[in-house]
Amino acid sequence: MLTGKKFKLDRTTLALDVVEGRRRTVAVPAGEIIKIVDGPTSNQDRMVDILWQGRVLTMFALDVDARGTEISESEPLSKSARA
């Protein structure tokens, strides 16, 4: 389970947001720190909810694994992941 773990993205990665009932993609830039707040929800969809810049977005767990580097708890966080 990835919940509670933090990752630094090595490459820009797409996430999903819902604004006024509509889904839209959001590009989370390389170098940003994200925190997994929930997921994956099942073995079929493998989606995770992430916290980035105070917003909860949804991302594929596979993308987090392939494009991110896990950060240990002892490493300092950027402002965007402290929310």
N, C-alpha and C. Protein backbone atom coordinates (compact mmCIF):
# COMPACT_ATOMS: atom_id res chain seq x y z
N MET A 1 0.84 -1.18 0.00
CA MET A 1 0.00 0.00 0.00
C MET A 1 0.89 1.25 0.00
N LEU A 2 0.56 2.18 -0.85
CA LEU A 2 1.34 3.40 -0.99
C LEU A 2 0.90 4.53 -0.06
N THR A 3 -0.26 4.40 0.56
CA THR A 3 -0.82 5.47 1.37
C THR A 3 0.17 5.98 2.41
N GLY A 4 0.32 7.31 2.44
CA GLY A 4 1.21 7.96 3.39
C GLY A 4 2.62 8.18 2.87
N LYS A 5 2.99 7.58 1.76
CA LYS A 5 4.33 7.73 1.23
C LYS A 5 4.44 9.00 0.39
N LYS A 6 5.65 9.53 0.33
CA LYS A 6 5.92 10.74 -0.44
C LYS A 6 6.89 10.42 -1.57
N PHE A 7 6.69 11.10 -2.70
CA PHE A 7 7.51 10.86 -3.88
C PHE A 7 7.91 12.19 -4.51
N LYS A 8 9.11 12.23 -5.04
CA LYS A 8 9.56 13.35 -5.86
C LYS A 8 9.45 12.87 -7.31
N LEU A 9 8.74 13.63 -8.13
CA LEU A 9 8.55 13.23 -9.52
C LEU A 9 9.79 13.53 -10.34
N ASP A 10 10.28 12.55 -11.07
CA ASP A 10 11.44 12.70 -11.94
C ASP A 10 11.06 13.26 -13.30
N ARG A 11 9.79 13.06 -13.67
CA ARG A 11 9.28 13.57 -14.95
C ARG A 11 7.88 14.15 -14.74
N THR A 12 7.51 15.08 -15.58
CA THR A 12 6.16 15.62 -15.52
C THR A 12 5.17 14.48 -15.70
N THR A 13 4.13 14.46 -14.86
CA THR A 13 3.18 13.35 -14.83
C THR A 13 1.76 13.89 -14.80
N LEU A 14 0.87 13.28 -15.57
CA LEU A 14 -0.52 13.71 -15.60
C LEU A 14 -1.30 13.17 -14.40
N ALA A 15 -2.18 14.02 -13.89
CA ALA A 15 -3.10 13.64 -12.83
C ALA A 15 -4.49 14.09 -13.26
N LEU A 16 -5.50 13.58 -12.58
CA LEU A 16 -6.89 13.94 -12.86
C LEU A 16 -7.44 14.79 -11.74
N ASP A 17 -8.21 15.81 -12.10
CA ASP A 17 -8.87 16.68 -11.15
C ASP A 17 -10.34 16.75 -11.55
N VAL A 18 -11.20 17.02 -10.59
CA VAL A 18 -12.62 17.23 -10.89
C VAL A 18 -12.96 18.65 -10.48
N VAL A 19 -13.38 19.45 -11.45
CA VAL A 19 -13.75 20.84 -11.22
C VAL A 19 -15.16 21.04 -11.74
N GLU A 20 -16.05 21.47 -10.87
CA GLU A 20 -17.45 21.69 -11.22
C GLU A 20 -18.06 20.47 -11.91
N GLY A 21 -17.73 19.29 -11.39
CA GLY A 21 -18.29 18.06 -11.91
C GLY A 21 -17.65 17.54 -13.18
N ARG A 22 -16.65 18.22 -13.68
CA ARG A 22 -15.97 17.77 -14.91
C ARG A 22 -14.54 17.34 -14.60
N ARG A 23 -14.16 16.24 -15.25
CA ARG A 23 -12.78 15.77 -15.10
C ARG A 23 -11.88 16.55 -16.04
N ARG A 24 -10.68 16.84 -15.54
CA ARG A 24 -9.68 17.48 -16.39
C ARG A 24 -8.30 16.99 -15.97
N THR A 25 -7.38 17.05 -16.92
CA THR A 25 -6.01 16.62 -16.62
C THR A 25 -5.22 17.80 -16.10
N VAL A 26 -4.28 17.48 -15.23
CA VAL A 26 -3.38 18.46 -14.65
C VAL A 26 -1.97 17.89 -14.79
N ALA A 27 -1.06 18.68 -15.32
CA ALA A 27 0.34 18.25 -15.43
C ALA A 27 1.07 18.63 -14.14
N VAL A 28 1.54 17.62 -13.42
CA VAL A 28 2.33 17.86 -12.21
C VAL A 28 3.79 17.85 -12.66
N PRO A 29 4.48 18.99 -12.54
CA PRO A 29 5.83 19.11 -13.10
C PRO A 29 6.88 18.23 -12.43
N ALA A 30 7.89 17.90 -13.19
CA ALA A 30 9.05 17.18 -12.65
C ALA A 30 9.63 17.99 -11.51
N GLY A 31 10.12 17.30 -10.49
CA GLY A 31 10.73 17.96 -9.34
C GLY A 31 9.76 18.22 -8.20
N GLU A 32 8.46 18.10 -8.45
CA GLU A 32 7.46 18.34 -7.41
C GLU A 32 7.37 17.15 -6.46
N ILE A 33 6.97 17.44 -5.22
CA ILE A 33 6.78 16.42 -4.21
C ILE A 33 5.29 16.17 -4.07
N ILE A 34 4.92 14.90 -4.10
CA ILE A 34 3.52 14.51 -3.90
C ILE A 34 3.44 13.55 -2.73
N LYS A 35 2.27 13.50 -2.11
CA LYS A 35 2.02 12.55 -1.03
C LYS A 35 0.81 11.72 -1.40
N ILE A 36 0.91 10.42 -1.22
CA ILE A 36 -0.21 9.52 -1.50
C ILE A 36 -1.14 9.57 -0.29
N VAL A 37 -2.40 9.96 -0.51
CA VAL A 37 -3.34 10.07 0.59
C VAL A 37 -4.36 8.93 0.61
N ASP A 38 -4.49 8.20 -0.50
CA ASP A 38 -5.40 7.07 -0.52
C ASP A 38 -5.16 6.22 -1.77
N GLY A 39 -5.27 4.90 -1.60
CA GLY A 39 -5.22 4.03 -2.76
C GLY A 39 -4.07 3.04 -2.70
N PRO A 40 -3.95 2.17 -3.67
CA PRO A 40 -4.89 2.01 -4.79
C PRO A 40 -6.23 1.49 -4.31
N THR A 41 -7.29 1.83 -5.06
CA THR A 41 -8.64 1.47 -4.64
C THR A 41 -8.98 0.02 -4.97
N SER A 42 -8.38 -0.54 -6.02
CA SER A 42 -8.58 -1.95 -6.35
C SER A 42 -7.46 -2.40 -7.27
N ASN A 43 -7.38 -3.69 -7.49
CA ASN A 43 -6.34 -4.20 -8.37
C ASN A 43 -6.61 -3.87 -9.84
N GLN A 44 -7.88 -3.58 -10.18
CA GLN A 44 -8.20 -3.30 -11.57
C GLN A 44 -7.78 -1.89 -11.99
N ASP A 45 -8.15 -0.87 -11.20
CA ASP A 45 -7.88 0.49 -11.67
C ASP A 45 -6.54 1.04 -11.21
N ARG A 46 -6.07 0.62 -10.06
CA ARG A 46 -4.75 1.01 -9.56
C ARG A 46 -4.55 2.53 -9.56
N MET A 47 -5.59 3.25 -9.16
CA MET A 47 -5.51 4.70 -9.05
C MET A 47 -5.21 5.07 -7.61
N VAL A 48 -4.49 6.17 -7.41
CA VAL A 48 -4.19 6.68 -6.08
C VAL A 48 -4.58 8.15 -6.02
N ASP A 49 -5.00 8.58 -4.85
CA ASP A 49 -5.24 9.99 -4.61
C ASP A 49 -3.95 10.58 -4.06
N ILE A 50 -3.57 11.73 -4.61
CA ILE A 50 -2.34 12.38 -4.19
C ILE A 50 -2.64 13.77 -3.66
N LEU A 51 -1.77 14.27 -2.81
CA LEU A 51 -1.84 15.64 -2.34
C LEU A 51 -0.70 16.41 -3.00
N TRP A 52 -1.07 17.48 -3.70
CA TRP A 52 -0.08 18.32 -4.37
C TRP A 52 -0.56 19.76 -4.32
N GLN A 53 0.24 20.64 -3.79
CA GLN A 53 -0.09 22.05 -3.66
C GLN A 53 -1.44 22.26 -2.98
N GLY A 54 -1.72 21.47 -1.96
CA GLY A 54 -2.95 21.61 -1.21
C GLY A 54 -4.18 21.05 -1.90
N ARG A 55 -4.01 20.41 -3.03
CA ARG A 55 -5.11 19.84 -3.80
C ARG A 55 -5.01 18.32 -3.80
N VAL A 56 -6.16 17.68 -3.78
CA VAL A 56 -6.19 16.23 -3.91
C VAL A 56 -6.53 15.91 -5.36
N LEU A 57 -5.62 15.20 -6.02
CA LEU A 57 -5.77 14.78 -7.41
C LEU A 57 -5.68 13.26 -7.46
N THR A 58 -5.98 12.69 -8.62
CA THR A 58 -5.89 11.25 -8.81
C THR A 58 -4.84 10.96 -9.88
N MET A 59 -4.04 9.92 -9.61
CA MET A 59 -2.95 9.56 -10.52
C MET A 59 -2.87 8.04 -10.59
N PHE A 60 -2.38 7.51 -11.69
CA PHE A 60 -2.14 6.08 -11.78
C PHE A 60 -0.97 5.70 -10.87
N ALA A 61 -1.16 4.64 -10.09
CA ALA A 61 -0.09 4.16 -9.21
C ALA A 61 1.14 3.78 -10.03
N LEU A 62 0.92 3.24 -11.21
CA LEU A 62 2.02 2.87 -12.11
C LEU A 62 2.86 4.09 -12.48
N ASP A 63 2.22 5.24 -12.74
CA ASP A 63 2.95 6.46 -13.06
C ASP A 63 3.78 6.94 -11.88
N VAL A 64 3.21 6.86 -10.68
CA VAL A 64 3.95 7.27 -9.48
C VAL A 64 5.19 6.40 -9.33
N ASP A 65 5.02 5.11 -9.51
CA ASP A 65 6.13 4.17 -9.37
C ASP A 65 7.20 4.37 -10.45
N ALA A 66 6.76 4.58 -11.69
CA ALA A 66 7.70 4.69 -12.81
C ALA A 66 8.37 6.06 -12.90
N ARG A 67 7.68 7.11 -12.45
CA ARG A 67 8.19 8.47 -12.66
C ARG A 67 8.56 9.19 -11.38
N GLY A 68 8.47 8.49 -10.25
CA GLY A 68 8.78 9.13 -8.98
C GLY A 68 9.82 8.37 -8.19
N THR A 69 10.46 9.08 -7.28
CA THR A 69 11.42 8.48 -6.36
C THR A 69 10.88 8.67 -4.95
N GLU A 70 10.75 7.57 -4.22
CA GLU A 70 10.21 7.66 -2.87
C GLU A 70 11.15 8.47 -1.97
N ILE A 71 10.56 9.29 -1.13
CA ILE A 71 11.30 10.12 -0.19
C ILE A 71 11.12 9.55 1.20
N SER A 72 12.22 9.37 1.90
CA SER A 72 12.12 8.86 3.26
C SER A 72 11.60 9.97 4.18
N GLU A 73 11.07 9.59 5.32
CA GLU A 73 10.51 10.55 6.27
C GLU A 73 11.54 11.53 6.80
N SER A 74 12.82 11.17 6.76
CA SER A 74 13.86 12.05 7.30
C SER A 74 14.26 13.18 6.35
N GLU A 75 13.85 13.09 5.07
CA GLU A 75 14.18 14.12 4.10
C GLU A 75 13.20 15.28 4.22
N PRO A 76 13.68 16.52 4.07
CA PRO A 76 12.77 17.67 4.16
C PRO A 76 11.82 17.71 2.98
N LEU A 77 10.62 18.24 3.21
CA LEU A 77 9.60 18.36 2.15
C LEU A 77 9.57 19.77 1.59
N SER A 78 9.16 19.86 0.33
CA SER A 78 8.92 21.18 -0.24
C SER A 78 7.62 21.74 0.30
N LYS A 79 7.39 23.01 0.10
CA LYS A 79 6.17 23.64 0.59
C LYS A 79 4.92 22.98 0.04
N SER A 80 4.95 22.49 -1.21
CA SER A 80 3.75 21.95 -1.85
C SER A 80 3.27 20.65 -1.21
N ALA A 81 4.13 19.92 -0.53
CA ALA A 81 3.70 18.64 0.04
C ALA A 81 3.39 18.74 1.53
N ARG A 82 3.56 19.90 2.13
CA ARG A 82 3.34 20.03 3.57
C ARG A 82 1.89 20.25 3.96
N ALA A 83 1.04 20.46 3.03
CA ALA A 83 -0.37 20.79 3.34
C ALA A 83 -1.09 19.71 4.09
